[in-house]
C-alpha cells in the first residue's frame, strides 16, 4: 500500500524527468550553436570596440567620448548575439519579453538618474561641439581656471589657487562660458581716480605714455583711456589695453600697469583721492593766500 502511494508520486516526476532529458538531447545541438554564437559575437564586440576607438581616436581628442562610444558598440554587438542565441533556442517570446522589459527598465533608470543622464548627454555635446579644450583658460559658473580634463560627467579646472574644481557637464553646457584662450587675445582693464584739481588732459597723456612703453602691450591694439564718472571726491577713469599672453598674464600685467601709472602720477603731483584721505575740494581763500 505504501509502495503504491510512493509510486503515484514518483512516477509522474520520473516521466517529467525523462521528457526533460529527451528535450535536452534535442536542444543540445541548438544549445551548442547558441554558445558558439555568443562566443563569436563576444569576439566581434572586441574587434568592433577597438575599430571604433581607432577611427574616433583620429577624429576626436576626447578620450571619454571615444571610450563611451566604444563601450556602447561592444554592448550593442553582445546584445545582438544574445538575442540571436535566444532565437536559435526557440525562445522568441522570451526575446520579446526581454525587449519590453529593457524598455521599461531604461525608462525607469532615466527618471531615477536624470541628473546623471543629463551630465552624460551634455558631456557628449561638449565633446562634439568643442566649445572648450584642455588647456583653455575659461570663466564659468563663478569659477575661473585652466581646463585640466573634459569628461562625459564633469569638467575639471585648475583655479590658479592650488585647488582643483570639478564642475558637472550640464552646468558647463547650459551656462555661459568665457573662453580667454579661444581668440588668443586678452584685454586688461585698470580702474583709477584722480582729484578735481588735476588737469584731465595731462593725466590722460601721462598714463598713456607709460602704459604704451610696457613690453607686453600688443602693438597692434589701441590703448584706451576713458574718464568714466564724477564722484563726490574724485573723477574716475579706466585704462583698457591688450596684452601678449605669450609674455605675461592679465594679473601681472595689471599689476605692472598700476606701478608705472602710480610712479608717473607721483612724479607729476597727480593726486590719488581715497576714502581715508580725501582731497580737499574747496579752493583756497584770499586770506589764506595772503598769509
C-alpha atoms as a PDB file:
ATOM      1  CA  UNK A   1       0.000   0.000   0.000  1.00  0.00           C
ATOM      2  CA  UNK A   2       2.788   2.378   0.916  1.00  0.00           C
ATOM      3  CA  UNK A   3       4.770   1.482  -2.217  1.00  0.00           C
ATOM      4  CA  UNK A   4       1.691   2.181  -4.343  1.00  0.00           C
ATOM      5  CA  UNK A   5       1.358   5.687  -2.868  1.00  0.00           C
ATOM      6  CA  UNK A   6       5.065   6.367  -3.342  1.00  0.00           C
ATOM      7  CA  UNK A   7       4.770   5.098  -6.910  1.00  0.00           C
ATOM      8  CA  UNK A   8       1.940   7.548  -7.600  1.00  0.00           C
ATOM      9  CA  UNK A   9       4.214  10.420  -6.525  1.00  0.00           C
ATOM     10  CA  UNK A  10       7.460   9.232  -8.097  1.00  0.00           C
ATOM     11  CA  UNK A  11       6.158   8.043 -11.466  1.00  0.00           C
ATOM     12  CA  UNK A  12       4.944  11.495 -12.684  1.00  0.00           C
ATOM     13  CA  UNK A  13       8.249  13.034 -11.619  1.00  0.00           C
ATOM     14  CA  UNK A  14      10.172  10.336 -13.450  1.00  0.00           C
ATOM     15  CA  UNK A  15       8.094  10.892 -16.570  1.00  0.00           C
ATOM     16  CA  UNK A  16       8.806  14.612 -16.466  1.00  0.00           C
ATOM     17  CA  UNK A  17      12.498  13.987 -15.939  1.00  0.00           C
ATOM     18  CA  UNK A  18      12.523  11.664 -18.918  1.00  0.00           C
ATOM     19  CA  UNK A  19      10.796  14.286 -21.027  1.00  0.00           C
ATOM     20  CA  UNK A  20      13.273  16.926 -19.919  1.00  0.00           C
ATOM     21  CA  UNK A  21      16.138  14.602 -20.747  1.00  0.00           C
ATOM     22  CA  UNK A  22      14.742  13.943 -24.217  1.00  0.00           C
ATOM     23  CA  UNK A  23      14.154  17.669 -24.772  1.00  0.00           C
ATOM     24  CA  UNK A  24      17.656  18.409 -23.558  1.00  0.00           C
ATOM     25  CA  UNK A  25      19.108  15.964 -26.091  1.00  0.00           C
ATOM     26  CA  UNK A  26      17.001  17.561 -28.788  1.00  0.00           C
ATOM     27  CA  UNK A  27      18.081  21.060 -27.749  1.00  0.00           C
ATOM     28  CA  UNK A  28      21.731  20.107 -27.313  1.00  0.00           C
ATOM     29  CA  UNK A  29      22.739  20.955 -30.915  1.00  0.00           C
ATOM     30  CA  UNK A  30      20.871  24.272 -30.751  1.00  0.00           C
ATOM     31  CA  UNK A  31      22.409  24.949 -27.353  1.00  0.00           C
ATOM     32  CA  UNK A  32      25.897  24.374 -28.752  1.00  0.00           C
ATOM     33  CA  UNK A  33      25.089  26.650 -31.689  1.00  0.00           C
ATOM     34  CA  UNK A  34      23.837  29.330 -29.255  1.00  0.00           C
ATOM     35  CA  UNK A  35      27.052  29.091 -27.231  1.00  0.00           C
ATOM     36  CA  UNK A  36      29.110  29.391 -30.418  1.00  0.00           C
ATOM     37  CA  UNK A  37      27.062  32.435 -31.420  1.00  0.00           C
ATOM     38  CA  UNK A  38      27.727  34.084 -28.065  1.00  0.00           C
ATOM     39  CA  UNK A  39      31.459  33.373 -28.305  1.00  0.00           C
ATOM     40  CA  UNK A  40      31.619  34.709 -31.860  1.00  0.00           C
ATOM     41  CA  UNK A  41      29.707  37.888 -31.019  1.00  0.00           C
ATOM     42  CA  UNK A  42      31.877  38.368 -27.951  1.00  0.00           C
ATOM     43  CA  UNK A  43      34.923  38.246 -30.192  1.00  0.00           C
ATOM     44  CA  UNK A  44      33.241  40.593 -32.682  1.00  0.00           C
ATOM     45  CA  UNK A  45      32.447  43.047 -29.886  1.00  0.00           C
ATOM     46  CA  UNK A  46      36.133  43.331 -29.020  1.00  0.00           C
ATOM     47  CA  UNK A  47      37.070  43.869 -32.653  1.00  0.00           C
ATOM     48  CA  UNK A  48      34.275  46.387 -33.118  1.00  0.00           C
ATOM     49  CA  UNK A  49      35.259  48.307 -29.969  1.00  0.00           C
ATOM     50  CA  UNK A  50      38.904  48.522 -30.999  1.00  0.00           C
ATOM     51  CA  UNK A  51      37.915  49.569 -34.528  1.00  0.00           C
ATOM     52  CA  UNK A  52      35.714  52.380 -33.178  1.00  0.00           C
ATOM     53  CA  UNK A  53      38.491  53.524 -30.830  1.00  0.00           C
ATOM     54  CA  UNK A  54      40.969  53.620 -33.702  1.00  0.00           C
ATOM     55  CA  UNK A  55      38.639  55.538 -36.024  1.00  0.00           C
ATOM     56  CA  UNK A  56      37.348  58.045 -33.464  1.00  0.00           C
ATOM     57  CA  UNK A  57      40.795  58.448 -31.927  1.00  0.00           C
ATOM     58  CA  UNK A  58      41.900  60.262 -35.086  1.00  0.00           C
ATOM     59  CA  UNK A  59      38.756  62.415 -35.219  1.00  0.00           C
ATOM     60  CA  UNK A  60      38.453  63.410 -31.549  1.00  0.00           C
ATOM     61  CA  UNK A  61      40.881  64.004 -28.707  1.00  0.00           C
ATOM     62  CA  UNK A  62      38.202  63.390 -26.090  1.00  0.00           C
ATOM     63  CA  UNK A  63      39.159  60.052 -24.555  1.00  0.00           C
ATOM     64  CA  UNK A  64      35.949  59.844 -22.531  1.00  0.00           C
ATOM     65  CA  UNK A  65      33.715  60.227 -25.589  1.00  0.00           C
ATOM     66  CA  UNK A  66      35.714  57.683 -27.582  1.00  0.00           C
ATOM     67  CA  UNK A  67      35.568  55.240 -24.681  1.00  0.00           C
ATOM     68  CA  UNK A  68      31.807  55.703 -24.269  1.00  0.00           C
ATOM     69  CA  UNK A  69      31.042  55.093 -27.945  1.00  0.00           C
ATOM     70  CA  UNK A  70      33.373  52.093 -27.947  1.00  0.00           C
ATOM     71  CA  UNK A  71      31.637  50.623 -24.885  1.00  0.00           C
ATOM     72  CA  UNK A  72      28.181  51.205 -26.396  1.00  0.00           C
ATOM     73  CA  UNK A  73      29.332  49.467 -29.588  1.00  0.00           C
ATOM     74  CA  UNK A  74      30.549  46.447 -27.620  1.00  0.00           C
ATOM     75  CA  UNK A  75      27.311  46.216 -25.645  1.00  0.00           C
ATOM     76  CA  UNK A  76      25.204  46.524 -28.794  1.00  0.00           C
ATOM     77  CA  UNK A  77      27.118  43.705 -30.530  1.00  0.00           C
ATOM     78  CA  UNK A  78      26.912  41.415 -27.491  1.00  0.00           C
ATOM     79  CA  UNK A  79      23.174  42.147 -27.085  1.00  0.00           C
ATOM     80  CA  UNK A  80      22.619  41.287 -30.757  1.00  0.00           C
ATOM     81  CA  UNK A  81      24.421  37.978 -30.325  1.00  0.00           C
ATOM     82  CA  UNK A  82      22.400  37.232 -27.170  1.00  0.00           C
ATOM     83  CA  UNK A  83      19.108  37.747 -28.993  1.00  0.00           C
ATOM     84  CA  UNK A  84      20.306  35.584 -31.908  1.00  0.00           C
ATOM     85  CA  UNK A  85      21.186  32.828 -29.438  1.00  0.00           C
ATOM     86  CA  UNK A  86      17.743  33.007 -27.839  1.00  0.00           C
ATOM     87  CA  UNK A  87      16.182  32.800 -31.287  1.00  0.00           C
ATOM     88  CA  UNK A  88      18.166  29.648 -32.095  1.00  0.00           C
ATOM     89  CA  UNK A  89      16.880  28.086 -28.861  1.00  0.00           C
ATOM     90  CA  UNK A  90      13.320  28.858 -29.917  1.00  0.00           C
ATOM     91  CA  UNK A  91      12.772  31.398 -27.152  1.00  0.00           C
ATOM     92  CA  UNK A  92      11.196  34.057 -29.377  1.00  0.00           C
ATOM     93  CA  UNK A  93       8.629  35.016 -26.737  1.00  0.00           C
ATOM     94  CA  UNK A  94      11.430  35.416 -24.246  1.00  0.00           C
ATOM     95  CA  UNK A  95      13.182  37.804 -26.642  1.00  0.00           C
ATOM     96  CA  UNK A  96      10.010  39.888 -26.942  1.00  0.00           C
ATOM     97  CA  UNK A  97       9.584  39.965 -23.170  1.00  0.00           C
ATOM     98  CA  UNK A  98      13.211  40.972 -22.652  1.00  0.00           C
ATOM     99  CA  UNK A  99      12.931  43.831 -25.144  1.00  0.00           C
ATOM    100  CA  UNK A 100       9.768  45.092 -23.468  1.00  0.00           C
ATOM    101  CA  UNK A 101      11.364  44.775 -20.043  1.00  0.00           C
ATOM    102  CA  UNK A 102      14.515  46.563 -21.234  1.00  0.00           C
ATOM    103  CA  UNK A 103      12.400  49.459 -22.465  1.00  0.00           C
ATOM    104  CA  UNK A 104      10.601  49.783 -19.146  1.00  0.00           C
ATOM    105  CA  UNK A 105      13.891  49.461 -17.237  1.00  0.00           C
ATOM    106  CA  UNK A 106      15.547  52.135 -19.378  1.00  0.00           C
ATOM    107  CA  UNK A 107      12.613  54.493 -18.767  1.00  0.00           C
ATOM    108  CA  UNK A 108      12.752  53.884 -15.013  1.00  0.00           C
ATOM    109  CA  UNK A 109      16.512  54.389 -14.883  1.00  0.00           C
ATOM    110  CA  UNK A 110      16.153  57.557 -16.929  1.00  0.00           C
ATOM    111  CA  UNK A 111      13.852  59.071 -14.317  1.00  0.00           C
ATOM    112  CA  UNK A 112      15.881  57.745 -11.381  1.00  0.00           C
ATOM    113  CA  UNK A 113      19.217  59.030 -12.682  1.00  0.00           C
ATOM    114  CA  UNK A 114      18.004  62.099 -14.527  1.00  0.00           C
ATOM    115  CA  UNK A 115      20.911  64.336 -13.463  1.00  0.00           C
ATOM    116  CA  UNK A 116      23.476  61.672 -14.302  1.00  0.00           C
ATOM    117  CA  UNK A 117      21.918  61.134 -17.717  1.00  0.00           C
ATOM    118  CA  UNK A 118      21.830  64.876 -18.349  1.00  0.00           C
ATOM    119  CA  UNK A 119      25.510  65.133 -17.456  1.00  0.00           C
ATOM    120  CA  UNK A 120      26.448  62.360 -19.850  1.00  0.00           C
ATOM    121  CA  UNK A 121      24.438  63.858 -22.709  1.00  0.00           C
ATOM    122  CA  UNK A 122      25.864  67.325 -22.005  1.00  0.00           C
ATOM    123  CA  UNK A 123      29.381  65.876 -21.885  1.00  0.00           C
ATOM    124  CA  UNK A 124      28.824  64.229 -25.267  1.00  0.00           C
ATOM    125  CA  UNK A 125      27.677  67.534 -26.801  1.00  0.00           C
ATOM    126  CA  UNK A 126      30.673  69.352 -25.287  1.00  0.00           C
ATOM    127  CA  UNK A 127      32.983  66.756 -26.819  1.00  0.00           C
ATOM    128  CA  UNK A 128      31.307  67.087 -30.223  1.00  0.00           C
ATOM    129  CA  UNK A 129      30.929  70.885 -30.356  1.00  0.00           C
ATOM    130  CA  UNK A 130      34.208  71.542 -28.507  1.00  0.00           C
ATOM    131  CA  UNK A 131      33.444  74.999 -27.043  1.00  0.00           C
ATOM    132  CA  UNK A 132      36.382  74.408 -24.701  1.00  0.00           C
ATOM    133  CA  UNK A 133      39.542  72.315 -24.906  1.00  0.00           C
ATOM    134  CA  UNK A 134      42.115  71.064 -22.433  1.00  0.00           C
ATOM    135  CA  UNK A 135      44.488  73.921 -21.614  1.00  0.00           C
ATOM    136  CA  UNK A 136      41.958  76.720 -22.226  1.00  0.00           C
ATOM    137  CA  UNK A 137      41.554  79.484 -19.649  1.00  0.00           C
ATOM    138  CA  UNK A 138      37.821  79.865 -19.045  1.00  0.00           C
ATOM    139  CA  UNK A 139      35.351  81.537 -16.699  1.00  0.00           C
ATOM    140  CA  UNK A 140      32.040  79.812 -15.983  1.00  0.00           C
ATOM    141  CA  UNK A 141      29.645  79.238 -13.099  1.00  0.00           C
ATOM    142  CA  UNK A 142      31.567  81.726 -10.972  1.00  0.00           C
ATOM    143  CA  UNK A 143      34.928  79.948 -11.421  1.00  0.00           C
ATOM    144  CA  UNK A 144      37.988  80.940 -13.429  1.00  0.00           C
ATOM    145  CA  UNK A 145      40.712  78.449 -14.234  1.00  0.00           C
ATOM    146  CA  UNK A 146      42.605  76.282 -16.676  1.00  0.00           C
ATOM    147  CA  UNK A 147      40.812  73.262 -18.128  1.00  0.00           C
ATOM    148  CA  UNK A 148      42.593  70.115 -16.937  1.00  0.00           C
ATOM    149  CA  UNK A 149      40.275  67.445 -18.363  1.00  0.00           C
ATOM    150  CA  UNK A 150      36.952  67.159 -20.154  1.00  0.00           C
ATOM    151  CA  UNK A 151      34.957  64.078 -19.247  1.00  0.00           C
ATOM    152  CA  UNK A 152      31.431  62.992 -20.004  1.00  0.00           C
ATOM    153  CA  UNK A 153      30.288  63.530 -16.426  1.00  0.00           C
ATOM    154  CA  UNK A 154      32.338  66.568 -15.421  1.00  0.00           C
ATOM    155  CA  UNK A 155      34.981  69.131 -16.391  1.00  0.00           C
ATOM    156  CA  UNK A 156      37.976  69.722 -14.111  1.00  0.00           C
ATOM    157  CA  UNK A 157      39.582  73.145 -13.686  1.00  0.00           C
ATOM    158  CA  UNK A 158      42.738  74.417 -12.013  1.00  0.00           C
ATOM    159  CA  UNK A 159      41.608  77.627 -10.264  1.00  0.00           C
ATOM    160  CA  UNK A 160      45.201  79.010 -10.022  1.00  0.00           C
ATOM    161  CA  UNK A 161      44.970  78.897  -6.215  1.00  0.00           C
ATOM    162  CA  UNK A 162      46.152  75.348  -5.648  1.00  0.00           C
ATOM    163  CA  UNK A 163      42.693  73.770  -5.815  1.00  0.00           C
ATOM    164  CA  UNK A 164      41.012  71.637  -8.442  1.00  0.00           C
ATOM    165  CA  UNK A 165      37.399  72.483  -9.278  1.00  0.00           C
ATOM    166  CA  UNK A 166      35.154  69.802 -10.769  1.00  0.00           C
ATOM    167  CA  UNK A 167      32.022  71.105 -12.483  1.00  0.00           C
ATOM    168  CA  UNK A 168      29.147  68.934 -13.781  1.00  0.00           C
ATOM    169  CA  UNK A 169      28.987  68.782 -17.561  1.00  0.00           C
ATOM    170  CA  UNK A 170      25.400  70.050 -17.621  1.00  0.00           C
ATOM    171  CA  UNK A 171      26.454  73.265 -15.852  1.00  0.00           C
ATOM    172  CA  UNK A 172      29.202  73.819 -18.408  1.00  0.00           C
ATOM    173  CA  UNK A 173      26.855  73.093 -21.316  1.00  0.00           C
ATOM    174  CA  UNK A 174      23.877  75.122 -20.062  1.00  0.00           C
ATOM    175  CA  UNK A 175      25.653  78.155 -18.551  1.00  0.00           C
ATOM    176  CA  UNK A 176      27.625  80.934 -20.315  1.00  0.00           C
ATOM    177  CA  UNK A 177      31.351  80.310 -20.831  1.00  0.00           C
ATOM    178  CA  UNK A 178      34.010  82.986 -21.217  1.00  0.00           C
ATOM    179  CA  UNK A 179      36.933  81.442 -23.100  1.00  0.00           C
ATOM    180  CA  UNK A 180      40.018  83.625 -22.757  1.00  0.00           C
ATOM    181  CA  UNK A 181      42.143  81.315 -24.915  1.00  0.00           C
ATOM    182  CA  UNK A 182      39.894  80.780 -27.931  1.00  0.00           C
ATOM    183  CA  UNK A 183      40.775  84.011 -29.762  1.00  0.00           C
ATOM    184  CA  UNK A 184      44.318  84.177 -28.373  1.00  0.00           C
ATOM    185  CA  UNK A 185      43.727  87.813 -27.331  1.00  0.00           C
ATOM    186  CA  UNK A 186      43.159  89.279 -23.867  1.00  0.00           C
ATOM    187  CA  UNK A 187      42.219  92.789 -22.802  1.00  0.00           C
ATOM    188  CA  UNK A 188      43.000  94.091 -19.322  1.00  0.00           C
ATOM    189  CA  UNK A 189      41.093  96.842 -17.547  1.00  0.00           C
ATOM    190  CA  UNK A 190      42.612  99.059 -14.876  1.00  0.00           C
ATOM    191  CA  UNK A 191      40.456 101.492 -12.902  1.00  0.00           C
ATOM    192  CA  UNK A 192      41.628 104.574 -11.031  1.00  0.00           C
ATOM    193  CA  UNK A 193      40.627 108.032  -9.849  1.00  0.00           C
ATOM    194  CA  UNK A 194      42.116 111.497  -9.557  1.00  0.00           C
ATOM    195  CA  UNK A 195      41.244 114.718  -7.752  1.00  0.00           C
ATOM    196  CA  UNK A 196      39.227 117.601  -9.186  1.00  0.00           C
ATOM    197  CA  UNK A 197      42.249 119.910  -9.220  1.00  0.00           C
ATOM    198  CA  UNK A 198      44.224 117.715 -11.616  1.00  0.00           C
ATOM    199  CA  UNK A 199      44.336 118.549 -15.323  1.00  0.00           C
ATOM    200  CA  UNK A 200      42.469 115.759 -17.154  1.00  0.00           C
ATOM    201  CA  UNK A 201      44.412 116.120 -20.392  1.00  0.00           C
ATOM    202  CA  UNK A 202      47.751 115.854 -18.575  1.00  0.00           C
ATOM    203  CA  UNK A 203      46.524 112.838 -16.589  1.00  0.00           C
ATOM    204  CA  UNK A 204      45.482 111.039 -19.768  1.00  0.00           C
ATOM    205  CA  UNK A 205      48.728 111.866 -21.565  1.00  0.00           C
ATOM    206  CA  UNK A 206      50.917 110.705 -18.681  1.00  0.00           C
ATOM    207  CA  UNK A 207      49.055 107.436 -18.206  1.00  0.00           C
ATOM    208  CA  UNK A 208      49.077 106.538 -21.903  1.00  0.00           C
ATOM    209  CA  UNK A 209      52.772 107.367 -22.248  1.00  0.00           C
ATOM    210  CA  UNK A 210      53.868 104.856 -19.600  1.00  0.00           C
ATOM    211  CA  UNK A 211      51.352 102.150 -20.475  1.00  0.00           C
ATOM    212  CA  UNK A 212      52.389 102.053 -24.124  1.00  0.00           C
ATOM    213  CA  UNK A 213      56.034 101.507 -23.145  1.00  0.00           C
ATOM    214  CA  UNK A 214      55.326  98.211 -21.328  1.00  0.00           C
ATOM    215  CA  UNK A 215      56.908  95.342 -23.256  1.00  0.00           C
ATOM    216  CA  UNK A 216      53.878  93.066 -23.039  1.00  0.00           C
ATOM    217  CA  UNK A 217      51.451  95.524 -24.673  1.00  0.00           C
ATOM    218  CA  UNK A 218      50.096  94.347 -28.045  1.00  0.00           C
ATOM    219  CA  UNK A 219      51.403  96.953 -30.511  1.00  0.00           C
ATOM    220  CA  UNK A 220      48.571  96.208 -32.963  1.00  0.00           C
ATOM    221  CA  UNK A 221      45.874  97.219 -30.485  1.00  0.00           C
ATOM    222  CA  UNK A 222      44.940 100.711 -29.292  1.00  0.00           C
ATOM    223  CA  UNK A 223      45.376 101.592 -25.623  1.00  0.00           C
ATOM    224  CA  UNK A 224      42.201 103.338 -24.436  1.00  0.00           C
ATOM    225  CA  UNK A 225      41.906 105.897 -21.660  1.00  0.00           C
ATOM    226  CA  UNK A 226      38.383 106.919 -20.644  1.00  0.00           C
ATOM    227  CA  UNK A 227      37.089 109.111 -17.862  1.00  0.00           C
ATOM    228  CA  UNK A 228      34.032 107.291 -16.556  1.00  0.00           C
ATOM    229  CA  UNK A 229      32.250 109.361 -13.878  1.00  0.00           C
ATOM    230  CA  UNK A 230      32.286 112.187 -11.348  1.00  0.00           C
ATOM    231  CA  UNK A 231      32.028 111.253  -7.678  1.00  0.00           C
ATOM    232  CA  UNK A 232      31.907 113.404  -4.563  1.00  0.00           C
ATOM    233  CA  UNK A 233      35.674 113.265  -4.041  1.00  0.00           C
ATOM    234  CA  UNK A 234      37.197 112.198  -7.361  1.00  0.00           C
ATOM    235  CA  UNK A 235      36.982 111.740 -11.089  1.00  0.00           C
ATOM    236  CA  UNK A 236      37.150 108.053 -12.044  1.00  0.00           C
ATOM    237  CA  UNK A 237      38.878 106.704 -15.124  1.00  0.00           C
ATOM    238  CA  UNK A 238      39.643 103.383 -16.791  1.00  0.00           C
ATOM    239  CA  UNK A 239      42.555 102.205 -18.916  1.00  0.00           C
ATOM    240  CA  UNK A 240      41.956  99.389 -21.406  1.00  0.00           C
ATOM    241  CA  UNK A 241      44.918  97.681 -23.023  1.00  0.00           C
ATOM    242  CA  UNK A 242      45.582  94.421 -24.857  1.00  0.00           C
ATOM    243  CA  UNK A 243      48.417  92.161 -23.773  1.00  0.00           C
ATOM    244  CA  UNK A 244      50.522  89.479 -25.417  1.00  0.00           C
ATOM    245  CA  UNK A 245      49.676  86.353 -23.446  1.00  0.00           C
ATOM    246  CA  UNK A 246      52.906  84.655 -24.501  1.00  0.00           C
ATOM    247  CA  UNK A 247      54.750  87.210 -22.322  1.00  0.00           C
ATOM    248  CA  UNK A 248      52.501  87.635 -19.293  1.00  0.00           C
ATOM    249  CA  UNK A 249      49.068  87.005 -17.829  1.00  0.00           C
ATOM    250  CA  UNK A 250      46.305  89.500 -17.016  1.00  0.00           C
ATOM    251  CA  UNK A 251      47.143  89.623 -13.292  1.00  0.00           C
ATOM    252  CA  UNK A 252      50.841  90.509 -13.601  1.00  0.00           C
ATOM    253  CA  UNK A 253      50.040  92.858 -16.499  1.00  0.00           C
ATOM    254  CA  UNK A 254      47.559  94.849 -14.440  1.00  0.00           C
ATOM    255  CA  UNK A 255      49.967  94.978 -11.507  1.00  0.00           C
ATOM    256  CA  UNK A 256      52.786  96.292 -13.692  1.00  0.00           C
ATOM    257  CA  UNK A 257      50.482  98.911 -15.216  1.00  0.00           C
ATOM    258  CA  UNK A 258      49.394 100.123 -11.783  1.00  0.00           C
ATOM    259  CA  UNK A 259      53.024 100.500 -10.708  1.00  0.00           C
ATOM    260  CA  UNK A 260      54.095 102.642 -13.656  1.00  0.00           C
ATOM    261  CA  UNK A 261      50.953 104.795 -13.506  1.00  0.00           C
ATOM    262  CA  UNK A 262      51.398 105.359  -9.769  1.00  0.00           C
ATOM    263  CA  UNK A 263      55.038 106.335 -10.272  1.00  0.00           C
ATOM    264  CA  UNK A 264      54.374 108.811 -13.088  1.00  0.00           C
ATOM    265  CA  UNK A 265      51.489 110.363 -11.163  1.00  0.00           C
ATOM    266  CA  UNK A 266      53.644 110.796  -8.060  1.00  0.00           C
ATOM    267  CA  UNK A 267      56.389 112.394 -10.132  1.00  0.00           C
ATOM    268  CA  UNK A 268      53.901 114.930 -11.532  1.00  0.00           C
ATOM    269  CA  UNK A 269      51.932 115.528  -8.310  1.00  0.00           C
ATOM    270  CA  UNK A 270      48.761 113.877  -9.570  1.00  0.00           C
ATOM    271  CA  UNK A 271      46.522 113.135  -6.593  1.00  0.00           C
ATOM    272  CA  UNK A 272      45.020 109.789  -5.630  1.00  0.00           C
ATOM    273  CA  UNK A 273      41.928 110.516  -3.517  1.00  0.00           C
ATOM    274  CA  UNK A 274      40.825 107.748  -1.182  1.00  0.00           C
ATOM    275  CA  UNK A 275      38.104 107.312   1.414  1.00  0.00           C
ATOM    276  CA  UNK A 276      40.695 107.509   4.196  1.00  0.00           C
ATOM    277  CA  UNK A 277      42.444 110.587   2.788  1.00  0.00           C
ATOM    278  CA  UNK A 278      40.050 112.613   0.617  1.00  0.00           C
ATOM    279  CA  UNK A 279      41.208 115.511  -1.483  1.00  0.00           C
ATOM    280  CA  UNK A 280      40.230 118.993  -0.300  1.00  0.00           C
ATOM    281  CA  UNK A 281      37.821 120.286  -2.917  1.00  0.00           C
ATOM    282  CA  UNK A 282      37.419 123.853  -1.583  1.00  0.00           C
ATOM    283  CA  UNK A 283      39.566 126.468  -3.285  1.00  0.00           C
ATOM    284  CA  UNK A 284      41.961 128.435  -1.081  1.00  0.00           C
ATOM    285  CA  UNK A 285      40.540 131.775   0.246  1.00  0.00           C
ATOM    286  CA  UNK A 286      42.160 135.132  -0.330  1.00  0.00           C
ATOM    287  CA  UNK A 287      43.077 135.472   3.333  1.00  0.00           C
ATOM    288  CA  UNK A 288      44.858 132.142   3.406  1.00  0.00           C
ATOM    289  CA  UNK A 289      46.594 133.006   0.171  1.00  0.00           C
ATOM    290  CA  UNK A 290      47.930 136.335   1.554  1.00  0.00           C
ATOM    291  CA  UNK A 291      49.048 134.629   4.749  1.00  0.00           C
END
